[in-house]
Amino acid sequence: MLPEPEHQEPETTTTARRLSLLAEQSVRCAPACCGAVTTISGSGPERRITATHPDLAPLAAVQLACGDGPIPSALAAGEPVDTEDLLTEDRWPGYRALALESGVRSSVTLPYRRSGIEVTVSLYGYRPGSLEQSVRGPVGILVNEITTGLLRDRRYRAALAEVGQLETALRSRSVIDQASGIVIHVLGCEAEQAFGLLRTISQRTNRKLAEVAEAVVRAKGRGLESELSALAGHQR
C-alpha cells in the first residue's frame, strides 16, 4: 500500500480537527450557549467525542455509556431533542444529575446522518430556555459542510488505498513474470509449468508467491537448478 503523502493528516487527526471546528463554530451561532459537544460514529470503531470545554465531555460520555440521554434519544428519533430546563426535567436521571452538577440548565441535541456517518451536535446553556430555534438553521449548514468534508476525506483515503493495492499487484505480477522467465530459461520448460513450479515452492515453504519470485530474481535462478528440476520431474 502506498504511504500517505507527508502533507496528509492521519484520519483520526482530521476527524478530530473537523469536529472541534464544528463545536466551536456552533457555539458562535447561539449567544445563549455556554459550550458544545460533537460526536461522530461511522468513521471508526467507536463514537468520538469533542467538547469546547472539558467539563462538558463527561455529559456526552455518560449518555453513550448508559444509552440514555438527549444524544441517544435524538439518534433514535432522528430529530432534535430540546431540554428547556433540566431542573424540571424528569427524563434521563443520570445525565440530568451530572448536567445540573456542572451548572447546565438547558440543552439541545441535533442529529445528522449521511452516507454511513452519524454526527450529533449538543449545545448547552447555563440558563433555562429553548436553544433549538436559535441554532437549528446555522448549525445545520455547518454540519453539512463538516460531514461533506469527512466524506470527501474518506473517499480520498479509499482511493489512495485502492491505488496502492493496484500498484502492489502490478509490482508482484512483474516480478512473478521475471521469475517465470528465469525458470523457463533454466529448465527449458513452458510458461505454464514455470508458474506452477513457483506456486509449488510457495506452498511448500509457506511463503507468498511474490516473495518466492523475488528470491528467484535476486539469485537469477542460481542454486535452484536441482530443486526446480526435481519439482519439474514430479509434475510431469
Protein backbone atom coordinates (compact mmCIF):
# COMPACT_ATOMS: atom_id res chain seq x y z
CA MET A 1 0.00 0.00 0.00
CA LEU A 2 1.27 3.45 -0.82
CA PRO A 3 2.40 5.55 2.16
CA GLU A 4 0.31 8.61 2.86
CA PRO A 5 1.72 11.86 1.49
CA GLU A 6 3.61 13.85 4.10
CA HIS A 7 1.11 16.71 3.98
CA GLN A 8 -1.86 14.40 4.63
CA GLU A 9 -3.03 14.17 8.24
CA PRO A 10 -3.98 10.80 9.76
CA GLU A 11 -7.73 10.14 9.62
CA THR A 12 -8.17 10.43 13.39
CA THR A 13 -6.47 13.84 13.41
CA THR A 14 -8.55 15.12 10.50
CA THR A 15 -11.81 13.97 12.09
CA ALA A 16 -10.93 15.44 15.49
CA ARG A 17 -9.99 18.75 13.89
CA ARG A 18 -13.23 18.96 11.92
CA LEU A 19 -15.36 18.05 14.95
CA SER A 20 -13.57 20.63 17.08
CA LEU A 21 -14.21 23.28 14.43
CA LEU A 22 -17.88 22.28 14.27
CA ALA A 23 -18.27 22.56 18.05
CA GLU A 24 -16.56 25.96 18.23
CA GLN A 25 -18.50 27.46 15.33
CA SER A 26 -21.80 26.06 16.62
CA VAL A 27 -21.28 27.92 19.89
CA ARG A 28 -20.83 31.17 17.96
CA CYS A 29 -24.25 30.63 16.36
CA ALA A 30 -26.02 30.89 19.72
CA PRO A 31 -25.12 33.72 22.12
CA ALA A 32 -27.08 31.99 24.92
CA CYS A 33 -24.96 28.85 24.57
CA CYS A 34 -22.13 28.22 27.02
CA GLY A 35 -20.50 25.33 25.16
CA ALA A 36 -20.96 22.47 22.74
CA VAL A 37 -20.18 18.80 22.31
CA THR A 38 -19.99 17.00 18.98
CA THR A 39 -19.94 13.24 18.45
CA ILE A 40 -19.40 11.09 15.39
CA SER A 41 -19.68 7.41 14.52
CA GLY A 42 -19.11 5.60 11.26
CA SER A 43 -15.51 6.82 10.81
CA GLY A 44 -14.01 4.40 13.31
CA PRO A 45 -14.76 1.61 15.79
CA GLU A 46 -16.19 3.92 18.45
CA ARG A 47 -18.22 7.11 18.67
CA ARG A 48 -15.82 10.01 19.12
CA ILE A 49 -16.49 12.98 21.37
CA THR A 50 -15.20 16.54 21.04
CA ALA A 51 -16.11 19.29 23.52
CA THR A 52 -15.41 23.01 23.69
CA HIS A 53 -14.93 22.71 27.46
CA PRO A 54 -13.54 19.70 29.40
CA ASP A 55 -16.46 19.78 31.87
CA LEU A 56 -18.90 19.10 29.02
CA ALA A 57 -17.27 15.96 27.62
CA PRO A 58 -18.46 13.76 30.54
CA LEU A 59 -22.05 14.79 29.75
CA ALA A 60 -21.75 13.04 26.39
CA ALA A 61 -19.70 10.14 27.76
CA VAL A 62 -22.29 9.22 30.40
CA GLN A 63 -25.06 9.20 27.79
CA LEU A 64 -23.16 6.97 25.40
CA ALA A 65 -22.10 4.64 28.24
CA CYS A 66 -25.63 4.05 29.55
CA GLY A 67 -27.53 4.61 26.29
CA ASP A 68 -29.81 7.16 27.94
CA GLY A 69 -29.94 10.91 27.40
CA PRO A 70 -30.58 13.52 24.72
CA ILE A 71 -27.90 12.14 22.38
CA PRO A 72 -29.24 8.54 22.24
CA SER A 73 -32.80 9.90 22.13
CA ALA A 74 -32.01 12.23 19.22
CA LEU A 75 -30.24 9.46 17.30
CA ALA A 76 -33.11 7.04 17.88
CA ALA A 77 -35.78 9.57 16.86
CA GLY A 78 -33.78 11.15 14.05
CA GLU A 79 -34.81 14.63 15.18
CA PRO A 80 -33.65 17.32 17.65
CA VAL A 81 -34.17 16.82 21.38
CA ASP A 82 -34.59 20.06 23.32
CA THR A 83 -34.47 20.33 27.12
CA GLU A 84 -35.63 23.78 28.17
CA ASP A 85 -34.99 23.34 31.90
CA LEU A 86 -33.19 20.35 33.38
CA LEU A 87 -34.32 21.40 36.84
CA THR A 88 -37.85 20.29 35.98
CA GLU A 89 -36.85 17.55 33.51
CA ASP A 90 -37.95 14.03 34.51
CA ARG A 91 -36.10 12.13 31.74
CA TRP A 92 -32.57 10.69 31.86
CA PRO A 93 -31.83 10.86 35.62
CA GLY A 94 -28.12 10.03 35.28
CA TYR A 95 -27.46 12.64 32.63
CA ARG A 96 -29.72 15.18 34.35
CA ALA A 97 -27.88 14.90 37.69
CA LEU A 98 -24.44 15.28 36.09
CA ALA A 99 -25.60 18.20 33.92
CA LEU A 100 -27.06 20.10 36.87
CA GLU A 101 -23.90 19.41 38.89
CA SER A 102 -21.93 21.00 36.02
CA GLY A 103 -24.18 24.07 36.09
CA VAL A 104 -26.04 23.23 32.87
CA ARG A 105 -29.75 24.09 32.86
CA SER A 106 -30.72 23.64 29.20
CA SER A 107 -29.52 21.81 26.11
CA VAL A 108 -30.43 20.85 22.58
CA THR A 109 -29.05 17.92 20.59
CA LEU A 110 -29.25 17.86 16.79
CA PRO A 111 -28.60 14.54 14.97
CA TYR A 112 -27.43 14.16 11.36
CA ARG A 113 -26.98 11.02 9.26
CA ARG A 114 -25.29 10.88 5.88
CA SER A 115 -23.71 8.03 3.93
CA GLY A 116 -22.96 5.89 6.97
CA ILE A 117 -21.79 8.74 9.19
CA GLU A 118 -23.75 9.87 12.27
CA VAL A 119 -22.99 13.28 13.75
CA THR A 120 -24.58 14.91 16.77
CA VAL A 121 -24.20 18.48 17.99
CA SER A 122 -25.24 19.27 21.56
CA LEU A 123 -25.39 22.86 22.76
CA TYR A 124 -25.61 23.74 26.45
CA GLY A 125 -26.84 26.78 28.38
CA TYR A 126 -26.41 27.94 31.97
CA ARG A 127 -29.91 29.37 31.94
CA PRO A 128 -33.28 27.71 31.20
CA GLY A 129 -34.86 28.25 27.80
CA SER A 130 -35.03 26.59 24.40
CA LEU A 131 -31.89 26.69 22.25
CA GLU A 132 -33.31 24.80 19.28
CA GLN A 133 -34.72 27.61 17.16
CA SER A 134 -31.71 29.88 17.54
CA VAL A 135 -29.22 27.31 16.25
CA ARG A 136 -31.03 24.77 14.08
CA GLY A 137 -30.56 26.55 10.74
CA PRO A 138 -26.95 27.77 11.10
CA VAL A 139 -25.77 24.58 12.81
CA GLY A 140 -27.41 22.50 10.09
CA ILE A 141 -25.37 24.32 7.46
CA LEU A 142 -22.19 23.80 9.47
CA VAL A 143 -22.84 20.09 9.96
CA ASN A 144 -23.49 19.60 6.25
CA GLU A 145 -20.20 21.28 5.41
CA ILE A 146 -18.22 19.32 8.01
CA THR A 147 -19.84 16.00 7.09
CA THR A 148 -19.19 16.64 3.40
CA GLY A 149 -15.54 17.22 4.26
CA LEU A 150 -15.36 14.00 6.29
CA LEU A 151 -16.93 12.01 3.45
CA ARG A 152 -14.53 13.59 0.97
CA ASP A 153 -11.59 12.62 3.19
CA ARG A 154 -12.91 9.06 3.47
CA ARG A 155 -13.30 8.70 -0.31
CA TYR A 156 -9.83 10.14 -0.90
CA ARG A 157 -8.22 7.70 1.51
CA ALA A 158 -10.16 4.81 -0.01
CA ALA A 159 -8.94 5.86 -3.46
CA LEU A 160 -5.34 6.04 -2.21
CA ALA A 161 -5.65 2.56 -0.70
CA GLU A 162 -7.05 1.18 -3.93
CA VAL A 163 -4.26 2.74 -5.98
CA GLY A 164 -1.71 1.33 -3.54
CA GLN A 165 -3.20 -2.15 -3.81
CA LEU A 166 -3.20 -1.96 -7.60
CA GLU A 167 0.43 -0.84 -7.68
CA THR A 168 1.39 -3.65 -5.30
CA ALA A 169 -0.43 -6.16 -7.50
CA LEU A 170 1.31 -4.81 -10.62
CA ARG A 171 4.72 -4.98 -8.96
CA SER A 172 4.04 -8.54 -7.82
CA ARG A 173 2.87 -9.54 -11.28
CA SER A 174 6.01 -8.07 -12.81
CA VAL A 175 8.43 -9.92 -10.51
CA ILE A 176 6.48 -13.18 -10.92
CA ASP A 177 6.77 -12.83 -14.71
CA GLN A 178 10.52 -12.22 -14.37
CA ALA A 179 10.94 -15.27 -12.13
CA SER A 180 8.91 -17.39 -14.53
CA GLY A 181 11.20 -16.29 -17.34
CA ILE A 182 14.24 -17.38 -15.34
CA VAL A 183 12.68 -20.77 -14.61
CA ILE A 184 11.86 -21.19 -18.31
CA HIS A 185 15.49 -20.42 -19.17
CA VAL A 186 16.91 -22.79 -16.53
CA LEU A 187 14.64 -25.74 -17.32
CA GLY A 188 13.64 -25.04 -20.89
CA CYS A 189 10.01 -25.54 -19.89
CA GLU A 190 6.75 -23.82 -20.86
CA ALA A 191 5.46 -20.69 -19.15
CA GLU A 192 2.54 -22.52 -17.51
CA GLN A 193 4.86 -25.13 -15.98
CA ALA A 194 7.28 -22.44 -14.75
CA PHE A 195 4.46 -20.62 -12.95
CA GLY A 196 3.28 -23.92 -11.46
CA LEU A 197 6.77 -24.61 -10.07
CA LEU A 198 6.91 -21.21 -8.41
CA ARG A 199 3.50 -21.79 -6.89
CA THR A 200 4.55 -25.20 -5.59
CA ILE A 201 7.62 -23.70 -3.90
CA SER A 202 5.39 -21.04 -2.39
CA GLN A 203 3.05 -23.65 -0.92
CA ARG A 204 5.83 -25.91 0.36
CA THR A 205 7.77 -23.10 2.03
CA ASN A 206 4.66 -21.28 3.27
CA ARG A 207 5.77 -18.05 1.62
CA LYS A 208 3.87 -15.69 -0.61
CA LEU A 209 4.30 -16.31 -4.33
CA ALA A 210 5.72 -12.79 -4.80
CA GLU A 211 8.37 -13.47 -2.11
CA VAL A 212 9.43 -16.68 -3.84
CA ALA A 213 9.59 -14.86 -7.17
CA GLU A 214 11.72 -12.07 -5.68
CA ALA A 215 14.18 -14.65 -4.29
CA VAL A 216 14.45 -16.33 -7.71
CA VAL A 217 15.02 -12.99 -9.44
CA ARG A 218 17.68 -11.92 -6.89
CA ALA A 219 19.53 -15.22 -7.31
CA LYS A 220 18.91 -15.24 -11.07
CA GLY A 221 17.98 -18.89 -10.71
CA ARG A 222 21.42 -19.91 -9.36
CA GLY A 223 21.27 -22.61 -6.72
CA LEU A 224 17.73 -23.59 -7.66
CA GLU A 225 18.51 -25.80 -10.64
CA SER A 226 18.34 -29.10 -8.75
CA GLU A 227 15.22 -28.15 -6.78
CA LEU A 228 13.45 -26.89 -9.88
CA SER A 229 14.45 -29.96 -11.87
CA ALA A 230 13.17 -32.26 -9.10
CA LEU A 231 9.87 -30.41 -8.89
CA ALA A 232 9.55 -30.42 -12.66
CA GLY A 233 10.08 -34.18 -12.65
CA HIS A 234 7.26 -34.66 -10.12
CA GLN A 235 4.91 -32.53 -12.21
CA ARG A 236 5.47 -34.50 -15.43
